[in-house]
PDB file of N, CA and C in Angstrom:
ATOM      1  N   MET A   1     -14.266  38.452  60.884  1.00  0.00           N
ATOM      2  CA  MET A   1     -13.612  39.101  62.038  1.00  0.00           C
ATOM      3  C   MET A   1     -13.907  40.556  62.091  1.00  0.00           C
ATOM      4  N   ALA A   2     -14.090  41.193  63.275  1.00  0.00           N
ATOM      5  CA  ALA A   2     -14.633  42.493  63.431  1.00  0.00           C
ATOM      6  C   ALA A   2     -13.551  43.423  63.062  1.00  0.00           C
ATOM      7  N   ASP A   3     -13.901  44.577  62.241  1.00  0.00           N
ATOM      8  CA  ASP A   3     -12.907  45.484  61.990  1.00  0.00           C
ATOM      9  C   ASP A   3     -12.631  46.388  63.082  1.00  0.00           C
ATOM     10  N   LEU A   4     -11.620  47.325  63.015  1.00  0.00           N
ATOM     11  CA  LEU A   4     -11.223  48.171  64.100  1.00  0.00           C
ATOM     12  C   LEU A   4     -12.473  49.235  64.531  1.00  0.00           C
ATOM     13  N   GLY A   5     -13.182  49.716  63.495  1.00  0.00           N
ATOM     14  CA  GLY A   5     -14.215  50.551  63.784  1.00  0.00           C
ATOM     15  C   GLY A   5     -15.372  49.953  64.607  1.00  0.00           C
ATOM     16  N   GLU A   6     -15.576  48.736  64.209  1.00  0.00           N
ATOM     17  CA  GLU A   6     -16.690  47.991  64.964  1.00  0.00           C
ATOM     18  C   GLU A   6     -16.215  47.620  66.342  1.00  0.00           C
ATOM     19  N   GLN A   7     -15.000  47.301  66.565  1.00  0.00           N
ATOM     20  CA  GLN A   7     -14.524  47.048  67.831  1.00  0.00           C
ATOM     21  C   GLN A   7     -14.482  48.234  68.735  1.00  0.00           C
ATOM     22  N   ALA A   8     -14.170  49.343  68.220  1.00  0.00           N
ATOM     23  CA  ALA A   8     -14.177  50.478  68.940  1.00  0.00           C
ATOM     24  C   ALA A   8     -15.491  50.946  69.409  1.00  0.00           C
ATOM     25  N   PHE A   9     -16.504  50.792  68.456  1.00  0.00           N
ATOM     26  CA  PHE A   9     -17.844  50.910  68.824  1.00  0.00           C
ATOM     27  C   PHE A   9     -18.261  50.004  69.972  1.00  0.00           C
ATOM     28  N   ASN A  10     -18.020  48.755  69.878  1.00  0.00           N
ATOM     29  CA  ASN A  10     -18.412  47.733  70.815  1.00  0.00           C
ATOM     30  C   ASN A  10     -17.628  48.153  72.282  1.00  0.00           C
ATOM     31  N   ASP A  11     -16.397  48.582  72.111  1.00  0.00           N
ATOM     32  CA  ASP A  11     -15.712  48.875  73.373  1.00  0.00           C
ATOM     33  C   ASP A  11     -16.456  50.257  74.123  1.00  0.00           C
ATOM     34  N   GLN A  12     -16.865  51.185  73.225  1.00  0.00           N
ATOM     35  CA  GLN A  12     -17.366  52.438  73.694  1.00  0.00           C
ATOM     36  C   GLN A  12     -18.797  51.972  74.180  1.00  0.00           C
ATOM     37  N   ALA A  13     -19.604  51.050  73.692  1.00  0.00           N
ATOM     38  CA  ALA A  13     -20.884  50.536  74.223  1.00  0.00           C
ATOM     39  C   ALA A  13     -20.728  50.117  75.574  1.00  0.00           C
ATOM     40  N   VAL A  14     -19.725  49.157  75.670  1.00  0.00           N
ATOM     41  CA  VAL A  14     -19.427  48.513  76.999  1.00  0.00           C
ATOM     42  C   VAL A  14     -18.987  49.462  78.159  1.00  0.00           C
ATOM     43  N   GLN A  15     -18.219  50.479  77.790  1.00  0.00           N
ATOM     44  CA  GLN A  15     -17.886  51.577  78.687  1.00  0.00           C
ATOM     45  C   GLN A  15     -19.090  52.348  79.065  1.00  0.00           C
ATOM     46  N   LYS A  16     -20.014  52.703  78.107  1.00  0.00           N
ATOM     47  CA  LYS A  16     -21.181  53.483  78.501  1.00  0.00           C
ATOM     48  C   LYS A  16     -22.104  52.681  79.450  1.00  0.00           C
ATOM     49  N   VAL A  17     -22.348  51.421  79.175  1.00  0.00           N
ATOM     50  CA  VAL A  17     -23.204  50.578  80.071  1.00  0.00           C
ATOM     51  C   VAL A  17     -22.508  50.229  81.586  1.00  0.00           C
ATOM     52  N   VAL A  18     -21.181  50.171  81.535  1.00  0.00           N
ATOM     53  CA  VAL A  18     -20.403  50.046  82.888  1.00  0.00           C
ATOM     54  C   VAL A  18     -20.723  51.413  83.596  1.00  0.00           C
ATOM     55  N   LYS A  19     -20.406  52.418  82.979  1.00  0.00           N
ATOM     56  CA  LYS A  19     -20.704  53.821  83.616  1.00  0.00           C
ATOM     57  C   LYS A  19     -22.226  54.012  84.158  1.00  0.00           C
ATOM     58  N   PHE A  20     -23.105  53.570  83.259  1.00  0.00           N
ATOM     59  CA  PHE A  20     -24.469  53.779  83.603  1.00  0.00           C
ATOM     60  C   PHE A  20     -24.801  52.821  84.790  1.00  0.00           C
ATOM     61  N   MET A  21     -24.270  51.758  84.805  1.00  0.00           N
ATOM     62  CA  MET A  21     -24.633  50.687  85.961  1.00  0.00           C
ATOM     63  C   MET A  21     -24.001  51.212  87.224  1.00  0.00           C
ATOM     64  N   SER A  22     -22.817  51.918  87.128  1.00  0.00           N
ATOM     65  CA  SER A  22     -22.231  52.338  88.387  1.00  0.00           C
ATOM     66  C   SER A  22     -22.887  53.684  88.876  1.00  0.00           C
ATOM     67  N   ASP A  23     -23.267  54.498  87.911  1.00  0.00           N
ATOM     68  CA  ASP A  23     -23.947  55.767  88.372  1.00  0.00           C
ATOM     69  C   ASP A  23     -25.519  55.590  88.723  1.00  0.00           C
ATOM     70  N   GLY A  24     -26.102  54.542  88.086  1.00  0.00           N
ATOM     71  CA  GLY A  24     -27.466  54.378  88.274  1.00  0.00           C
ATOM     72  C   GLY A  24     -28.294  55.259  87.341  1.00  0.00           C
ATOM     73  N   CYS A  25     -29.558  55.021  87.400  1.00  0.00           N
ATOM     74  CA  CYS A  25     -30.446  55.802  86.432  1.00  0.00           C
ATOM     75  C   CYS A  25     -31.140  56.905  87.189  1.00  0.00           C
ATOM     76  N   GLY A  26     -31.250  56.947  88.569  1.00  0.00           N
ATOM     77  CA  GLY A  26     -31.662  58.117  89.228  1.00  0.00           C
ATOM     78  C   GLY A  26     -33.206  57.887  89.649  1.00  0.00           C
ATOM     79  N   CYS A  27     -33.865  56.878  89.142  1.00  0.00           N
ATOM     80  CA  CYS A  27     -35.280  56.663  89.521  1.00  0.00           C
ATOM     81  C   CYS A  27     -35.324  55.889  90.904  1.00  0.00           C
ATOM     82  N   ALA A  28     -36.599  55.759  91.335  1.00  0.00           N
ATOM     83  CA  ALA A  28     -36.811  54.899  92.613  1.00  0.00           C
ATOM     84  C   ALA A  28     -37.694  53.732  92.485  1.00  0.00           C
ATOM     85  N   LEU A  29     -37.738  53.158  91.273  1.00  0.00           N
ATOM     86  CA  LEU A  29     -38.647  52.039  91.003  1.00  0.00           C
ATOM     87  C   LEU A  29     -38.078  50.640  91.459  1.00  0.00           C
ATOM     88  N   GLY A  30     -36.742  50.606  91.928  1.00  0.00           N
ATOM     89  CA  GLY A  30     -36.407  49.341  92.377  1.00  0.00           C
ATOM     90  C   GLY A  30     -36.645  48.943  93.756  1.00  0.00           C
ATOM     91  N   ALA A  31     -36.137  47.915  94.255  1.00  0.00           N
ATOM     92  CA  ALA A  31     -36.468  47.463  95.602  1.00  0.00           C
ATOM     93  C   ALA A  31     -35.984  48.282  96.604  1.00  0.00           C
ATOM     94  N   LYS A  32     -36.964  48.629  97.583  1.00  0.00           N
ATOM     95  CA  LYS A  32     -36.716  49.556  98.554  1.00  0.00           C
ATOM     96  C   LYS A  32     -36.349  51.053  98.160  1.00  0.00           C
ATOM     97  N   GLY A  33     -37.003  51.402  97.042  1.00  0.00           N
ATOM     98  CA  GLY A  33     -36.847  52.657  96.498  1.00  0.00           C
ATOM     99  C   GLY A  33     -35.451  53.007  95.841  1.00  0.00           C
ATOM    100  N   SER A  34     -34.753  51.981  95.436  1.00  0.00           N
ATOM    101  CA  SER A  34     -33.360  52.124  95.008  1.00  0.00           C
ATOM    102  C   SER A  34     -33.778  52.157  93.430  1.00  0.00           C
ATOM    103  N   PRO A  35     -32.658  52.686  92.626  1.00  0.00           N
ATOM    104  CA  PRO A  35     -32.720  52.774  91.150  1.00  0.00           C
ATOM    105  C   PRO A  35     -33.082  51.362  90.554  1.00  0.00           C
ATOM    106  N   CYS A  36     -33.882  51.466  89.453  1.00  0.00           N
ATOM    107  CA  CYS A  36     -34.176  50.131  88.823  1.00  0.00           C
ATOM    108  C   CYS A  36     -32.892  49.474  88.203  1.00  0.00           C
ATOM    109  N   SER A  37     -32.090  50.464  87.909  1.00  0.00           N
ATOM    110  CA  SER A  37     -30.724  49.790  87.257  1.00  0.00           C
ATOM    111  C   SER A  37     -29.992  48.962  88.273  1.00  0.00           C
ATOM    112  N   LYS A  38     -30.184  49.185  89.581  1.00  0.00           N
ATOM    113  CA  LYS A  38     -29.511  48.290  90.542  1.00  0.00           C
ATOM    114  C   LYS A  38     -30.100  46.908  90.771  1.00  0.00           C
ATOM    115  N   GLN A  39     -31.268  46.640  89.989  1.00  0.00           N
ATOM    116  CA  GLN A  39     -31.928  45.307  90.078  1.00  0.00           C
ATOM    117  C   GLN A  39     -31.174  44.210  89.247  1.00  0.00           C
ATOM    118  N   PHE A  40     -30.226  44.728  88.418  1.00  0.00           N
ATOM    119  CA  PHE A  40     -29.505  43.728  87.609  1.00  0.00           C
ATOM    120  C   PHE A  40     -28.015  43.900  87.879  1.00  0.00           C
ATOM    121  N   SER A  41     -27.398  42.636  87.845  1.00  0.00           N
ATOM    122  CA  SER A  41     -26.015  42.558  87.913  1.00  0.00           C
ATOM    123  C   SER A  41     -25.245  42.940  86.652  1.00  0.00           C
ATOM    124  N   ASN A  42     -24.186  43.572  86.870  1.00  0.00           N
ATOM    125  CA  ASN A  42     -23.243  43.880  85.787  1.00  0.00           C
ATOM    126  C   ASN A  42     -23.054  42.788  84.703  1.00  0.00           C
ATOM    127  N   ASP A  43     -22.833  41.611  85.227  1.00  0.00           N
ATOM    128  CA  ASP A  43     -22.718  40.433  84.437  1.00  0.00           C
ATOM    129  C   ASP A  43     -23.841  40.235  83.454  1.00  0.00           C
ATOM    130  N   THR A  44     -25.059  40.422  83.980  1.00  0.00           N
ATOM    131  CA  THR A  44     -26.349  40.072  83.316  1.00  0.00           C
ATOM    132  C   THR A  44     -26.520  41.048  82.242  1.00  0.00           C
ATOM    133  N   VAL A  45     -26.388  42.338  82.560  1.00  0.00           N
ATOM    134  CA  VAL A  45     -26.358  43.371  81.540  1.00  0.00           C
ATOM    135  C   VAL A  45     -25.361  43.447  80.585  1.00  0.00           C
ATOM    136  N   LEU A  46     -24.161  43.060  80.801  1.00  0.00           N
ATOM    137  CA  LEU A  46     -23.127  43.025  79.867  1.00  0.00           C
ATOM    138  C   LEU A  46     -23.322  41.741  78.984  1.00  0.00           C
ATOM    139  N   PHE A  47     -23.725  40.696  79.432  1.00  0.00           N
ATOM    140  CA  PHE A  47     -24.120  39.488  78.646  1.00  0.00           C
ATOM    141  C   PHE A  47     -25.152  39.833  77.664  1.00  0.00           C
ATOM    142  N   ASN A  48     -26.148  40.484  78.021  1.00  0.00           N
ATOM    143  CA  ASN A  48     -27.262  40.862  77.094  1.00  0.00           C
ATOM    144  C   ASN A  48     -26.726  41.832  76.099  1.00  0.00           C
ATOM    145  N   LEU A  49     -25.977  42.853  76.622  1.00  0.00           N
ATOM    146  CA  LEU A  49     -25.450  43.801  75.457  1.00  0.00           C
ATOM    147  C   LEU A  49     -24.446  43.115  74.529  1.00  0.00           C
ATOM    148  N   ASN A  50     -23.643  42.125  74.925  1.00  0.00           N
ATOM    149  CA  ASN A  50     -22.725  41.419  73.983  1.00  0.00           C
ATOM    150  C   ASN A  50     -23.650  40.587  73.024  1.00  0.00           C
ATOM    151  N   ASN A  51     -24.720  39.975  73.534  1.00  0.00           N
ATOM    152  CA  ASN A  51     -25.672  39.302  72.625  1.00  0.00           C
ATOM    153  C   ASN A  51     -26.151  40.171  71.530  1.00  0.00           C
ATOM    154  N   CYS A  52     -26.541  41.414  71.897  1.00  0.00           N
ATOM    155  CA  CYS A  52     -27.076  42.488  70.943  1.00  0.00           C
ATOM    156  C   CYS A  52     -26.015  42.899  69.998  1.00  0.00           C
ATOM    157  N   LEU A  53     -24.852  43.046  70.498  1.00  0.00           N
ATOM    158  CA  LEU A  53     -23.619  43.449  69.610  1.00  0.00           C
ATOM    159  C   LEU A  53     -23.346  42.408  68.510  1.00  0.00           C
ATOM    160  N   GLU A  54     -23.659  41.127  68.888  1.00  0.00           N
ATOM    161  CA  GLU A  54     -23.349  40.158  67.862  1.00  0.00           C
ATOM    162  C   GLU A  54     -24.407  40.002  66.735  1.00  0.00           C
ATOM    163  N   LEU A  55     -25.651  40.629  67.030  1.00  0.00           N
ATOM    164  CA  LEU A  55     -26.677  40.510  66.015  1.00  0.00           C
ATOM    165  C   LEU A  55     -26.478  41.378  64.882  1.00  0.00           C
ATOM    166  N   SER A  56     -26.827  41.048  63.644  1.00  0.00           N
ATOM    167  CA  SER A  56     -26.848  41.951  62.549  1.00  0.00           C
ATOM    168  C   SER A  56     -28.035  42.985  62.690  1.00  0.00           C
ATOM    169  N   SER A  57     -27.937  43.976  61.964  1.00  0.00           N
ATOM    170  CA  SER A  57     -28.909  45.145  62.201  1.00  0.00           C
ATOM    171  C   SER A  57     -30.333  44.566  61.998  1.00  0.00           C
ATOM    172  N   GLY A  58     -30.551  43.719  61.025  1.00  0.00           N
ATOM    173  CA  GLY A  58     -31.882  43.206  60.737  1.00  0.00           C
ATOM    174  C   GLY A  58     -32.327  42.295  61.964  1.00  0.00           C
ATOM    175  N   GLU A  59     -31.422  41.488  62.514  1.00  0.00           N
ATOM    176  CA  GLU A  59     -31.800  40.604  63.637  1.00  0.00           C
ATOM    177  C   GLU A  59     -32.146  41.405  64.843  1.00  0.00           C
ATOM    178  N   LEU A  60     -31.493  42.507  65.039  1.00  0.00           N
ATOM    179  CA  LEU A  60     -31.583  43.328  66.233  1.00  0.00           C
ATOM    180  C   LEU A  60     -32.976  44.083  66.046  1.00  0.00           C
ATOM    181  N   ASP A  61     -33.259  44.468  64.919  1.00  0.00           N
ATOM    182  CA  ASP A  61     -34.707  45.112  64.580  1.00  0.00           C
ATOM    183  C   ASP A  61     -35.774  44.117  64.910  1.00  0.00           C
ATOM    184  N   LEU A  62     -35.561  42.955  64.595  1.00  0.00           N
ATOM    185  CA  LEU A  62     -36.582  41.927  64.945  1.00  0.00           C
ATOM    186  C   LEU A  62     -36.797  41.661  66.460  1.00  0.00           C
ATOM    187  N   VAL A  63     -35.558  41.665  67.108  1.00  0.00           N
ATOM    188  CA  VAL A  63     -35.575  41.617  68.615  1.00  0.00           C
ATOM    189  C   VAL A  63     -36.427  42.743  69.283  1.00  0.00           C
ATOM    190  N   ILE A  64     -36.050  43.957  68.685  1.00  0.00           N
ATOM    191  CA  ILE A  64     -36.718  45.167  69.189  1.00  0.00           C
ATOM    192  C   ILE A  64     -38.190  45.188  68.957  1.00  0.00           C
ATOM    193  N   LEU A  65     -38.599  44.803  67.585  1.00  0.00           N
ATOM    194  CA  LEU A  65     -39.939  44.656  67.248  1.00  0.00           C
ATOM    195  C   LEU A  65     -40.741  43.645  68.200  1.00  0.00           C
ATOM    196  N   ALA A  66     -40.087  42.487  68.467  1.00  0.00           N
ATOM    197  CA  ALA A  66     -40.753  41.674  69.288  1.00  0.00           C
ATOM    198  C   ALA A  66     -41.024  42.064  70.721  1.00  0.00           C
ATOM    199  N   SER A  67     -40.003  42.871  71.236  1.00  0.00           N
ATOM    200  CA  SER A  67     -40.218  43.381  72.520  1.00  0.00           C
ATOM    201  C   SER A  67     -41.310  44.328  72.486  1.00  0.00           C
ATOM    202  N   ILE A  68     -41.353  45.121  71.616  1.00  0.00           N
ATOM    203  CA  ILE A  68     -42.437  46.226  71.419  1.00  0.00           C
ATOM    204  C   ILE A  68     -43.854  45.485  71.323  1.00  0.00           C
ATOM    205  N   GLN A  69     -43.969  44.498  70.484  1.00  0.00           N
ATOM    206  CA  GLN A  69     -45.309  43.767  70.376  1.00  0.00           C
ATOM    207  C   GLN A  69     -45.644  42.981  71.682  1.00  0.00           C
ATOM    208  N   ALA A  70     -44.739  42.654  72.561  1.00  0.00           N
ATOM    209  CA  ALA A  70     -44.950  41.974  73.641  1.00  0.00           C
ATOM    210  C   ALA A  70     -45.809  42.857  74.614  1.00  0.00           C
ATOM    211  N   PHE A  71     -45.634  44.210  74.451  1.00  0.00           N
ATOM    212  CA  PHE A  71     -46.413  45.089  75.456  1.00  0.00           C
ATOM    213  C   PHE A  71     -47.598  45.778  74.823  1.00  0.00           C
ATOM    214  N   ILE A  72     -47.864  45.382  73.509  1.00  0.00           N
ATOM    215  CA  ILE A  72     -49.035  46.037  72.968  1.00  0.00           C
ATOM    216  C   ILE A  72     -50.277  45.377  73.554  1.00  0.00           C
ATOM    217  N   PRO A  73     -51.207  46.206  74.100  1.00  0.00           N
ATOM    218  CA  PRO A  73     -52.425  45.500  74.593  1.00  0.00           C
ATOM    219  C   PRO A  73     -53.302  44.657  73.666  1.00  0.00           C
ATOM    220  N   VAL A  74     -53.752  43.515  74.300  1.00  0.00           N
ATOM    221  CA  VAL A  74     -54.669  42.707  73.514  1.00  0.00           C
ATOM    222  C   VAL A  74     -56.054  43.341  73.443  1.00  0.00           C
ATOM    223  N   PRO A  75     -56.696  43.397  72.086  1.00  0.00           N
ATOM    224  CA  PRO A  75     -57.861  43.915  71.893  1.00  0.00           C
ATOM    225  C   PRO A  75     -58.951  43.250  72.680  1.00  0.00           C
ATOM    226  N   ARG A  76     -59.766  43.980  73.149  1.00  0.00           N
ATOM    227  CA  ARG A  76     -60.915  43.315  74.086  1.00  0.00           C
ATOM    228  C   ARG A  76     -61.592  42.144  73.465  1.00  0.00           C
ATOM    229  N   LYS A  77     -61.763  42.060  72.186  1.00  0.00           N
ATOM    230  CA  LYS A  77     -62.437  40.961  71.517  1.00  0.00           C
ATOM    231  C   LYS A  77     -61.667  39.572  71.618  1.00  0.00           C
ATOM    232  N   LEU A  78     -60.367  39.724  71.909  1.00  0.00           N
ATOM    233  CA  LEU A  78     -59.552  38.522  72.083  1.00  0.00           C
ATOM    234  C   LEU A  78     -59.355  38.043  73.446  1.00  0.00           C
ATOM    235  N   VAL A  79     -59.895  38.786  74.393  1.00  0.00           N
ATOM    236  CA  VAL A  79     -59.774  38.357  75.831  1.00  0.00           C
ATOM    237  C   VAL A  79     -61.096  37.864  76.304  1.00  0.00           C
ATOM    238  N   ARG A  80     -61.026  36.825  77.286  1.00  0.00           N
ATOM    239  CA  ARG A  80     -62.322  36.201  77.663  1.00  0.00           C
ATOM    240  C   ARG A  80     -62.954  36.984  78.773  1.00  0.00           C
ATOM    241  N   ASN A  81     -62.397  37.749  79.515  1.00  0.00           N
ATOM    242  CA  ASN A  81     -63.096  38.437  80.618  1.00  0.00           C
ATOM    243  C   ASN A  81     -62.452  39.871  80.971  1.00  0.00           C
ATOM    244  N   GLU A  82     -62.943  40.548  81.726  1.00  0.00           N
ATOM    245  CA  GLU A  82     -62.513  41.905  82.222  1.00  0.00           C
ATOM    246  C   GLU A  82     -61.237  41.818  82.843  1.00  0.00           C
ATOM    247  N   THR A  83     -60.954  40.751  83.665  1.00  0.00           N
ATOM    248  CA  THR A  83     -59.722  40.657  84.282  1.00  0.00           C
ATOM    249  C   THR A  83     -58.553  40.426  83.383  1.00  0.00           C
ATOM    250  N   GLU A  84     -58.830  39.633  82.288  1.00  0.00           N
ATOM    251  CA  GLU A  84     -57.719  39.508  81.342  1.00  0.00           C
ATOM    252  C   GLU A  84     -57.427  40.835  80.531  1.00  0.00           C
ATOM    253  N   ALA A  85     -58.502  41.621  80.296  1.00  0.00           N
ATOM    254  CA  ALA A  85     -58.499  42.796  79.580  1.00  0.00           C
ATOM    255  C   ALA A  85     -57.682  43.860  80.447  1.00  0.00           C
ATOM    256  N   HIS A  86     -58.049  43.927  81.826  1.00  0.00           N
ATOM    257  CA  HIS A  86     -57.314  44.740  82.748  1.00  0.00           C
ATOM    258  C   HIS A  86     -55.746  44.407  82.740  1.00  0.00           C
ATOM    259  N   ASP A  87     -55.506  43.108  82.846  1.00  0.00           N
ATOM    260  CA  ASP A  87     -54.058  42.646  82.959  1.00  0.00           C
ATOM    261  C   ASP A  87     -53.338  43.110  81.748  1.00  0.00           C
ATOM    262  N   ALA A  88     -53.943  42.916  80.553  1.00  0.00           N
ATOM    263  CA  ALA A  88     -53.279  43.248  79.205  1.00  0.00           C
ATOM    264  C   ALA A  88     -53.008  44.629  79.215  1.00  0.00           C
ATOM    265  N   VAL A  89     -53.829  45.605  79.588  1.00  0.00           N
ATOM    266  CA  VAL A  89     -53.665  46.987  79.539  1.00  0.00           C
ATOM    267  C   VAL A  89     -52.692  47.437  80.661  1.00  0.00           C
ATOM    268  N   SER A  90     -52.737  46.778  81.873  1.00  0.00           N
ATOM    269  CA  SER A  90     -51.676  47.211  82.893  1.00  0.00           C
ATOM    270  C   SER A  90     -50.315  46.705  82.493  1.00  0.00           C
ATOM    271  N   SER A  91     -50.189  45.669  81.693  1.00  0.00           N
ATOM    272  CA  SER A  91     -48.771  45.282  81.345  1.00  0.00           C
ATOM    273  C   SER A  91     -48.170  46.355  80.272  1.00  0.00           C
ATOM    274  N   PHE A  92     -49.125  46.986  79.506  1.00  0.00           N
ATOM    275  CA  PHE A  92     -48.722  47.806  78.436  1.00  0.00           C
ATOM    276  C   PHE A  92     -48.110  49.178  79.118  1.00  0.00           C
ATOM    277  N   ASN A  93     -48.838  49.498  80.129  1.00  0.00           N
ATOM    278  CA  ASN A  93     -48.468  50.787  80.849  1.00  0.00           C
ATOM    279  C   ASN A  93     -47.202  50.720  81.702  1.00  0.00           C
ATOM    280  N   GLN A  94     -46.441  49.591  81.748  1.00  0.00           N
ATOM    281  CA  GLN A  94     -45.349  49.450  82.584  1.00  0.00           C
ATOM    282  C   GLN A  94     -44.221  49.029  81.737  1.00  0.00           C
ATOM    283  N   ASN A  95     -42.969  49.486  81.919  1.00  0.00           N
ATOM    284  CA  ASN A  95     -41.722  49.068  81.428  1.00  0.00           C
ATOM    285  C   ASN A  95     -41.281  47.826  82.237  1.00  0.00           C
ATOM    286  N   LEU A  96     -41.263  46.724  81.781  1.00  0.00           N
ATOM    287  CA  LEU A  96     -40.752  45.528  82.560  1.00  0.00           C
ATOM    288  C   LEU A  96     -39.721  44.771  81.836  1.00  0.00           C
ATOM    289  N   PHE A  97     -38.735  44.394  82.616  1.00  0.00           N
ATOM    290  CA  PHE A  97     -37.851  43.404  82.068  1.00  0.00           C
ATOM    291  C   PHE A  97     -37.596  42.228  83.141  1.00  0.00           C
ATOM    292  N   ALA A  98     -37.900  41.162  82.723  1.00  0.00           N
ATOM    293  CA  ALA A  98     -37.775  39.932  83.733  1.00  0.00           C
ATOM    294  C   ALA A  98     -38.511  40.244  84.859  1.00  0.00           C
ATOM    295  N   ARG A  99     -39.806  40.685  84.639  1.00  0.00           N
ATOM    296  CA  ARG A  99     -40.701  41.095  85.852  1.00  0.00           C
ATOM    297  C   ARG A  99     -40.155  42.057  86.904  1.00  0.00           C
ATOM    298  N   THR A 100     -39.270  42.854  86.208  1.00  0.00           N
ATOM    299  CA  THR A 100     -38.827  43.988  87.201  1.00  0.00           C
ATOM    300  C   THR A 100     -38.990  45.271  86.627  1.00  0.00           C
ATOM    301  N   CYS A 101     -39.846  46.172  87.340  1.00  0.00           N
ATOM    302  CA  CYS A 101     -40.256  47.546  86.744  1.00  0.00           C
ATOM    303  C   CYS A 101     -38.885  48.268  86.439  1.00  0.00           C
ATOM    304  N   LEU A 102     -38.906  48.917  85.361  1.00  0.00           N
ATOM    305  CA  LEU A 102     -37.946  49.843  85.001  1.00  0.00           C
ATOM    306  C   LEU A 102     -38.365  51.325  84.603  1.00  0.00           C
ATOM    307  N   CYS A 103     -37.483  52.247  84.773  1.00  0.00           N
ATOM    308  CA  CYS A 103     -37.867  53.521  84.365  1.00  0.00           C
ATOM    309  C   CYS A 103     -37.543  53.717  82.876  1.00  0.00           C
ATOM    310  N   PHE A 104     -37.973  54.884  82.342  1.00  0.00           N
ATOM    311  CA  PHE A 104     -37.769  55.065  80.985  1.00  0.00           C
ATOM    312  C   PHE A 104     -36.259  55.121  80.426  1.00  0.00           C
ATOM    313  N   SER A 105     -35.429  55.598  81.415  1.00  0.00           N
ATOM    314  CA  SER A 105     -34.013  55.683  80.855  1.00  0.00           C
ATOM    315  C   SER A 105     -33.355  54.240  80.848  1.00  0.00           C
ATOM    316  N   MET A 106     -33.882  53.292  81.382  1.00  0.00           N
ATOM    317  CA  MET A 106     -33.412  51.807  81.318  1.00  0.00           C
ATOM    318  C   MET A 106     -34.077  51.163  80.142  1.00  0.00           C
ATOM    319  N   ALA A 107     -35.263  51.565  79.775  1.00  0.00           N
ATOM    320  CA  ALA A 107     -36.039  50.826  78.821  1.00  0.00           C
ATOM    321  C   ALA A 107     -35.518  51.119  77.333  1.00  0.00           C
TER     322      ALA A 107
END
């Protein structure tokens, strides 16, 4: 069972996310020049936040490491042609979540 300190931290994290989602991030990378934070529903963001809050520190570190490694460019010797190489480098230069471009404040 979660102690009171952990519960207070979780409540504070949820409040920060709800405020961020209502205020937006201020970028214009979303659809029709809207903030990228408006691309996601509050339910989706809170669902993912709750999943992260349930993980242990070590498990969360592995999730973060996997996310970082997903955007490391593939060395040219591992790609078959220049198009694959370009695609690998292009994906590294963008912050994407579920094929949606994000600004650095969301990433």
